[in-house]
Amino acid sequence: MMSRKVAFLQRIHHLLVNVVQRKVNIEQGLNN
């Protein structure tokens, strides 16, 4: 039962990391 919860949390974490990296890339692009 826990594995499903862990997979769900990992998916959310992966999405958050993608959003943050995209935001950082955009900000770095604007600074350049």
Protein backbone atom coordinates (compact mmCIF):
# COMPACT_ATOMS: atom_id res chain seq x y z
CA MET A 1 0.00 0.00 0.00
CA MET A 2 2.87 2.38 0.77
CA SER A 3 4.50 1.91 -2.63
CA ARG A 4 1.52 3.55 -4.37
CA LYS A 5 1.77 6.56 -2.06
CA VAL A 6 5.52 6.82 -2.63
CA ALA A 7 5.06 6.64 -6.41
CA PHE A 8 2.44 9.39 -6.18
CA LEU A 9 4.77 11.61 -4.12
CA GLN A 10 7.65 10.96 -6.51
CA ARG A 11 5.46 12.00 -9.45
CA ILE A 12 4.49 15.26 -7.70
CA HIS A 13 8.13 15.91 -6.77
CA HIS A 14 9.22 15.32 -10.37
CA LEU A 15 6.61 17.79 -11.64
CA LEU A 16 7.69 20.41 -9.09
CA VAL A 17 11.35 20.00 -10.06
CA ASN A 18 10.45 20.45 -13.74
CA VAL A 19 8.48 23.63 -12.99
CA VAL A 20 11.26 25.10 -10.85
CA GLN A 21 13.96 24.29 -13.41
CA ARG A 22 11.88 25.82 -16.20
CA LYS A 23 11.37 28.97 -14.08
CA VAL A 24 15.10 29.22 -13.35
CA ASN A 25 15.95 28.72 -17.03
CA ILE A 26 13.53 31.49 -18.04
CA GLU A 27 14.95 33.86 -15.42
CA GLN A 28 18.53 33.10 -16.50
CA GLY A 29 17.51 33.68 -20.14
CA LEU A 30 16.05 37.07 -19.22
CA ASN A 31 19.17 38.02 -17.27
CA ASN A 32 21.33 37.17 -20.27
